């Protein structure tokens, strides 16, 4: 139990990303055009994972330096 609590307090919230799966070319182009687009991963000819940065970060945990 102590290890779980310690791990959650050491978690860096700024490194989280949103991943959206797209099978439609038009939807993928709209997501790529957004300013929070980070990268993409192509799984198959019709399946793409779009990695998006978080637009809002809630700092509800302490930050350790």
PDB file of N, CA and C in Angstrom:
ATOM      1  N   UNK A   1       0.830  -1.194   0.000  1.00  0.00           N
ATOM      2  CA  UNK A   1       0.000   0.000   0.000  1.00  0.00           C
ATOM      3  C   UNK A   1       0.876   1.259   0.000  1.00  0.00           C
ATOM      4  N   UNK A   2       1.947   1.253   0.783  1.00  0.00           N
ATOM      5  CA  UNK A   2       2.811   2.426   0.857  1.00  0.00           C
ATOM      6  C   UNK A   2       3.481   2.712  -0.472  1.00  0.00           C
ATOM      7  N   UNK A   3       3.856   1.678  -1.207  1.00  0.00           N
ATOM      8  CA  UNK A   3       4.512   1.859  -2.501  1.00  0.00           C
ATOM      9  C   UNK A   3       3.543   2.491  -3.501  1.00  0.00           C
ATOM     10  N   UNK A   4       2.285   2.107  -3.458  1.00  0.00           N
ATOM     11  CA  UNK A   4       1.285   2.685  -4.366  1.00  0.00           C
ATOM     12  C   UNK A   4       1.090   4.176  -4.094  1.00  0.00           C
ATOM     13  N   UNK A   5       1.003   4.545  -2.842  1.00  0.00           N
ATOM     14  CA  UNK A   5       0.819   5.954  -2.485  1.00  0.00           C
ATOM     15  C   UNK A   5       2.049   6.758  -2.882  1.00  0.00           C
ATOM     16  N   UNK A   6       3.240   6.217  -2.649  1.00  0.00           N
ATOM     17  CA  UNK A   6       4.469   6.904  -3.016  1.00  0.00           C
ATOM     18  C   UNK A   6       4.548   7.087  -4.530  1.00  0.00           C
ATOM     19  N   UNK A   7       4.183   6.071  -5.304  1.00  0.00           N
ATOM     20  CA  UNK A   7       4.225   6.155  -6.760  1.00  0.00           C
ATOM     21  C   UNK A   7       3.260   7.191  -7.309  1.00  0.00           C
ATOM     22  N   UNK A   8       2.084   7.290  -6.746  1.00  0.00           N
ATOM     23  CA  UNK A   8       1.112   8.282  -7.216  1.00  0.00           C
ATOM     24  C   UNK A   8       1.535   9.705  -6.861  1.00  0.00           C
ATOM     25  N   UNK A   9       2.241   9.890  -5.758  1.00  0.00           N
ATOM     26  CA  UNK A   9       2.692  11.236  -5.425  1.00  0.00           C
ATOM     27  C   UNK A   9       3.884  11.640  -6.271  1.00  0.00           C
ATOM     28  N   UNK A  10       4.679  10.690  -6.765  1.00  0.00           N
ATOM     29  CA  UNK A  10       5.841  10.986  -7.605  1.00  0.00           C
ATOM     30  C   UNK A  10       5.471  11.104  -9.078  1.00  0.00           C
ATOM     31  N   UNK A  11       4.229  10.853  -9.419  1.00  0.00           N
ATOM     32  CA  UNK A  11       3.774  10.891 -10.809  1.00  0.00           C
ATOM     33  C   UNK A  11       3.866  12.313 -11.372  1.00  0.00           C
ATOM     34  N   UNK A  12       4.387  12.440 -12.585  1.00  0.00           N
ATOM     35  CA  UNK A  12       4.514  13.741 -13.240  1.00  0.00           C
ATOM     36  C   UNK A  12       3.304  13.951 -14.148  1.00  0.00           C
ATOM     37  N   UNK A  13       2.435  14.867 -13.784  1.00  0.00           N
ATOM     38  CA  UNK A  13       1.214  15.110 -14.545  1.00  0.00           C
ATOM     39  C   UNK A  13       1.485  15.795 -15.878  1.00  0.00           C
ATOM     40  N   UNK A  14       2.621  16.453 -16.019  1.00  0.00           N
ATOM     41  CA  UNK A  14       2.936  17.162 -17.257  1.00  0.00           C
ATOM     42  C   UNK A  14       3.320  16.220 -18.389  1.00  0.00           C
ATOM     43  N   UNK A  15       3.644  14.967 -18.094  1.00  0.00           N
ATOM     44  CA  UNK A  15       4.041  14.015 -19.127  1.00  0.00           C
ATOM     45  C   UNK A  15       2.871  13.228 -19.710  1.00  0.00           C
ATOM     46  N   UNK A  16       1.679  13.487 -19.279  1.00  0.00           N
ATOM     47  CA  UNK A  16       0.514  12.757 -19.794  1.00  0.00           C
ATOM     48  C   UNK A  16       0.117  13.265 -21.176  1.00  0.00           C
ATOM     49  N   UNK A  17      -0.422  12.371 -21.999  1.00  0.00           N
ATOM     50  CA  UNK A  17      -0.875  12.729 -23.344  1.00  0.00           C
ATOM     51  C   UNK A  17      -2.254  12.132 -23.583  1.00  0.00           C
ATOM     52  N   UNK A  18      -2.987  12.736 -24.503  1.00  0.00           N
ATOM     53  CA  UNK A  18      -4.246  12.188 -24.973  1.00  0.00           C
ATOM     54  C   UNK A  18      -3.958  11.445 -26.273  1.00  0.00           C
ATOM     55  N   UNK A  19      -4.500  10.245 -26.420  1.00  0.00           N
ATOM     56  CA  UNK A  19      -4.322   9.474 -27.642  1.00  0.00           C
ATOM     57  C   UNK A  19      -5.697   9.230 -28.242  1.00  0.00           C
ATOM     58  N   UNK A  20      -5.850   9.619 -29.499  1.00  0.00           N
ATOM     59  CA  UNK A  20      -7.113   9.426 -30.207  1.00  0.00           C
ATOM     60  C   UNK A  20      -6.863   8.508 -31.384  1.00  0.00           C
ATOM     61  N   UNK A  21      -7.692   7.476 -31.526  1.00  0.00           N
ATOM     62  CA  UNK A  21      -7.585   6.550 -32.642  1.00  0.00           C
ATOM     63  C   UNK A  21      -8.498   7.006 -33.767  1.00  0.00           C
ATOM     64  N   UNK A  22      -7.960   7.049 -34.983  1.00  0.00           N
ATOM     65  CA  UNK A  22      -8.723   7.504 -36.143  1.00  0.00           C
ATOM     66  C   UNK A  22      -8.642   6.456 -37.242  1.00  0.00           C
ATOM     67  N   UNK A  23      -9.764   6.185 -37.843  1.00  0.00           N
ATOM     68  CA  UNK A  23      -9.794   5.309 -39.011  1.00  0.00           C
ATOM     69  C   UNK A  23     -10.242   6.075 -40.249  1.00  0.00           C
ATOM     70  N   UNK A  24     -10.526   7.350 -40.069  1.00  0.00           N
ATOM     71  CA  UNK A  24     -10.991   8.201 -41.150  1.00  0.00           C
ATOM     72  C   UNK A  24      -9.915   9.240 -41.453  1.00  0.00           C
ATOM     73  N   UNK A  25      -9.585   9.428 -42.720  1.00  0.00           N
ATOM     74  CA  UNK A  25      -8.524  10.361 -43.109  1.00  0.00           C
ATOM     75  C   UNK A  25      -8.886  11.803 -42.779  1.00  0.00           C
ATOM     76  N   UNK A  26     -10.136  12.183 -42.966  1.00  0.00           N
ATOM     77  CA  UNK A  26     -10.562  13.561 -42.679  1.00  0.00           C
ATOM     78  C   UNK A  26     -10.459  13.882 -41.192  1.00  0.00           C
ATOM     79  N   UNK A  27     -10.847  12.943 -40.356  1.00  0.00           N
ATOM     80  CA  UNK A  27     -10.771  13.146 -38.907  1.00  0.00           C
ATOM     81  C   UNK A  27      -9.311  13.270 -38.463  1.00  0.00           C
ATOM     82  N   UNK A  28      -8.425  12.470 -39.030  1.00  0.00           N
ATOM     83  CA  UNK A  28      -7.000  12.533 -38.691  1.00  0.00           C
ATOM     84  C   UNK A  28      -6.408  13.880 -39.106  1.00  0.00           C
ATOM     85  N   UNK A  29      -6.769  14.384 -40.267  1.00  0.00           N
ATOM     86  CA  UNK A  29      -6.263  15.683 -40.725  1.00  0.00           C
ATOM     87  C   UNK A  29      -6.719  16.812 -39.816  1.00  0.00           C
ATOM     88  N   UNK A  30      -7.961  16.744 -39.315  1.00  0.00           N
ATOM     89  CA  UNK A  30      -8.467  17.772 -38.400  1.00  0.00           C
ATOM     90  C   UNK A  30      -7.692  17.755 -37.083  1.00  0.00           C
ATOM     91  N   UNK A  31      -7.372  16.561 -36.569  1.00  0.00           N
ATOM     92  CA  UNK A  31      -6.634  16.467 -35.315  1.00  0.00           C
ATOM     93  C   UNK A  31      -5.178  16.912 -35.490  1.00  0.00           C
ATOM     94  N   UNK A  32      -4.577  16.602 -36.636  1.00  0.00           N
ATOM     95  CA  UNK A  32      -3.194  16.993 -36.895  1.00  0.00           C
ATOM     96  C   UNK A  32      -3.071  18.506 -37.023  1.00  0.00           C
ATOM     97  N   UNK A  33      -4.115  19.177 -37.489  1.00  0.00           N
ATOM     98  CA  UNK A  33      -4.085  20.627 -37.668  1.00  0.00           C
ATOM     99  C   UNK A  33      -4.194  21.393 -36.347  1.00  0.00           C
ATOM    100  N   UNK A  34      -4.558  20.734 -35.257  1.00  0.00           N
ATOM    101  CA  UNK A  34      -4.702  21.415 -33.970  1.00  0.00           C
ATOM    102  C   UNK A  34      -3.339  21.772 -33.394  1.00  0.00           C
ATOM    103  N   UNK A  35      -3.274  22.850 -32.596  1.00  0.00           N
ATOM    104  CA  UNK A  35      -1.979  23.285 -32.049  1.00  0.00           C
ATOM    105  C   UNK A  35      -1.398  22.354 -30.986  1.00  0.00           C
ATOM    106  N   UNK A  36      -2.195  21.494 -30.364  1.00  0.00           N
ATOM    107  CA  UNK A  36      -1.670  20.600 -29.340  1.00  0.00           C
ATOM    108  C   UNK A  36      -1.282  19.231 -29.904  1.00  0.00           C
ATOM    109  N   UNK A  37      -1.167  19.113 -31.230  1.00  0.00           N
ATOM    110  CA  UNK A  37      -0.715  17.883 -31.879  1.00  0.00           C
ATOM    111  C   UNK A  37       0.749  17.652 -31.543  1.00  0.00           C
ATOM    112  N   UNK A  38       1.097  16.421 -31.142  1.00  0.00           N
ATOM    113  CA  UNK A  38       2.473  16.100 -30.779  1.00  0.00           C
ATOM    114  C   UNK A  38       3.107  15.150 -31.787  1.00  0.00           C
ATOM    115  N   UNK A  39       2.460  14.011 -32.053  1.00  0.00           N
ATOM    116  CA  UNK A  39       2.995  13.045 -33.017  1.00  0.00           C
ATOM    117  C   UNK A  39       1.880  12.093 -33.424  1.00  0.00           C
ATOM    118  N   UNK A  40       2.242  11.145 -34.283  1.00  0.00           N
ATOM    119  CA  UNK A  40       1.263  10.151 -34.724  1.00  0.00           C
ATOM    120  C   UNK A  40       1.959   8.807 -34.869  1.00  0.00           C
ATOM    121  N   UNK A  41       1.165   7.740 -34.744  1.00  0.00           N
ATOM    122  CA  UNK A  41       1.650   6.380 -34.933  1.00  0.00           C
ATOM    123  C   UNK A  41       0.693   5.679 -35.879  1.00  0.00           C
ATOM    124  N   UNK A  42       1.222   5.120 -36.953  1.00  0.00           N
ATOM    125  CA  UNK A  42       0.398   4.422 -37.933  1.00  0.00           C
ATOM    126  C   UNK A  42       0.451   2.935 -37.617  1.00  0.00           C
ATOM    127  N   UNK A  43      -0.713   2.345 -37.344  1.00  0.00           N
ATOM    128  CA  UNK A  43      -0.798   0.918 -37.054  1.00  0.00           C
ATOM    129  C   UNK A  43      -1.077   0.108 -38.314  1.00  0.00           C
ATOM    130  N   UNK A  44      -1.981   0.592 -39.134  1.00  0.00           N
ATOM    131  CA  UNK A  44      -2.347  -0.101 -40.372  1.00  0.00           C
ATOM    132  C   UNK A  44      -2.687   0.977 -41.398  1.00  0.00           C
ATOM    133  N   UNK A  45      -3.089   0.550 -42.577  1.00  0.00           N
ATOM    134  CA  UNK A  45      -3.424   1.506 -43.618  1.00  0.00           C
ATOM    135  C   UNK A  45      -4.589   2.413 -43.259  1.00  0.00           C
ATOM    136  N   UNK A  46      -5.466   1.949 -42.393  1.00  0.00           N
ATOM    137  CA  UNK A  46      -6.640   2.754 -42.046  1.00  0.00           C
ATOM    138  C   UNK A  46      -6.773   3.023 -40.544  1.00  0.00           C
ATOM    139  N   UNK A  47      -5.719   2.781 -39.758  1.00  0.00           N
ATOM    140  CA  UNK A  47      -5.786   3.029 -38.316  1.00  0.00           C
ATOM    141  C   UNK A  47      -4.559   3.817 -37.878  1.00  0.00           C
ATOM    142  N   UNK A  48      -4.817   5.011 -37.312  1.00  0.00           N
ATOM    143  CA  UNK A  48      -3.756   5.921 -36.886  1.00  0.00           C
ATOM    144  C   UNK A  48      -4.038   6.357 -35.458  1.00  0.00           C
ATOM    145  N   UNK A  49      -2.991   6.395 -34.621  1.00  0.00           N
ATOM    146  CA  UNK A  49      -3.096   6.928 -33.268  1.00  0.00           C
ATOM    147  C   UNK A  49      -2.491   8.327 -33.278  1.00  0.00           C
ATOM    148  N   UNK A  50      -3.273   9.314 -32.868  1.00  0.00           N
ATOM    149  CA  UNK A  50      -2.834  10.704 -32.823  1.00  0.00           C
ATOM    150  C   UNK A  50      -2.511  11.046 -31.368  1.00  0.00           C
ATOM    151  N   UNK A  51      -1.273  11.464 -31.087  1.00  0.00           N
ATOM    152  CA  UNK A  51      -0.839  11.830 -29.747  1.00  0.00           C
ATOM    153  C   UNK A  51      -1.018  13.341 -29.594  1.00  0.00           C
ATOM    154  N   UNK A  52      -1.830  13.748 -28.625  1.00  0.00           N
ATOM    155  CA  UNK A  52      -2.123  15.159 -28.386  1.00  0.00           C
ATOM    156  C   UNK A  52      -1.646  15.533 -26.980  1.00  0.00           C
ATOM    157  N   UNK A  53      -1.037  16.720 -26.861  1.00  0.00           N
ATOM    158  CA  UNK A  53      -0.666  17.230 -25.547  1.00  0.00           C
ATOM    159  C   UNK A  53      -1.923  17.651 -24.802  1.00  0.00           C
ATOM    160  N   UNK A  54      -1.860  17.621 -23.490  1.00  0.00           N
ATOM    161  CA  UNK A  54      -2.990  18.075 -22.683  1.00  0.00           C
ATOM    162  C   UNK A  54      -3.140  19.585 -22.818  1.00  0.00           C
ATOM    163  N   UNK A  55      -4.380  20.054 -22.929  1.00  0.00           N
ATOM    164  CA  UNK A  55      -4.618  21.491 -23.008  1.00  0.00           C
ATOM    165  C   UNK A  55      -4.747  22.112 -21.621  1.00  0.00           C
ATOM    166  N   UNK A  56      -5.222  21.334 -20.651  1.00  0.00           N
ATOM    167  CA  UNK A  56      -5.345  21.804 -19.272  1.00  0.00           C
ATOM    168  C   UNK A  56      -4.731  20.754 -18.350  1.00  0.00           C
ATOM    169  N   UNK A  57      -3.925  21.205 -17.419  1.00  0.00           N
ATOM    170  CA  UNK A  57      -3.314  20.307 -16.447  1.00  0.00           C
ATOM    171  C   UNK A  57      -3.759  20.746 -15.058  1.00  0.00           C
ATOM    172  N   UNK A  58      -4.379  19.823 -14.313  1.00  0.00           N
ATOM    173  CA  UNK A  58      -4.812  20.120 -12.953  1.00  0.00           C
ATOM    174  C   UNK A  58      -3.744  19.600 -11.994  1.00  0.00           C
ATOM    175  N   UNK A  59      -3.078  20.519 -11.317  1.00  0.00           N
ATOM    176  CA  UNK A  59      -2.059  20.151 -10.353  1.00  0.00           C
ATOM    177  C   UNK A  59      -2.727  19.906  -9.008  1.00  0.00           C
ATOM    178  N   UNK A  60      -3.213  18.668  -8.814  1.00  0.00           N
ATOM    179  CA  UNK A  60      -3.881  18.322  -7.573  1.00  0.00           C
ATOM    180  C   UNK A  60      -3.003  17.417  -6.705  1.00  0.00           C
ATOM    181  N   UNK A  61      -1.712  17.271  -7.076  1.00  0.00           N
ATOM    182  CA  UNK A  61      -0.764  16.486  -6.302  1.00  0.00           C
ATOM    183  C   UNK A  61       0.478  17.337  -6.048  1.00  0.00           C
ATOM    184  N   UNK A  62       1.202  17.057  -5.012  1.00  0.00           N
ATOM    185  CA  UNK A  62       2.426  17.826  -4.764  1.00  0.00           C
ATOM    186  C   UNK A  62       3.479  17.496  -5.816  1.00  0.00           C
ATOM    187  N   UNK A  63       4.334  18.484  -6.134  1.00  0.00           N
ATOM    188  CA  UNK A  63       5.419  18.310  -7.099  1.00  0.00           C
ATOM    189  C   UNK A  63       6.720  18.252  -6.335  1.00  0.00           C
ATOM    190  N   UNK A  64       7.466  17.160  -6.523  1.00  0.00           N
ATOM    191  CA  UNK A  64       8.743  16.998  -5.839  1.00  0.00           C
ATOM    192  C   UNK A  64       9.875  17.365  -6.751  1.00  0.00           C
ATOM    193  N   UNK A  65      10.878  18.055  -6.218  1.00  0.00           N
ATOM    194  CA  UNK A  65      12.043  18.426  -7.025  1.00  0.00           C
ATOM    195  C   UNK A  65      13.284  17.711  -6.512  1.00  0.00           C
TER     196      UNK A  65
END
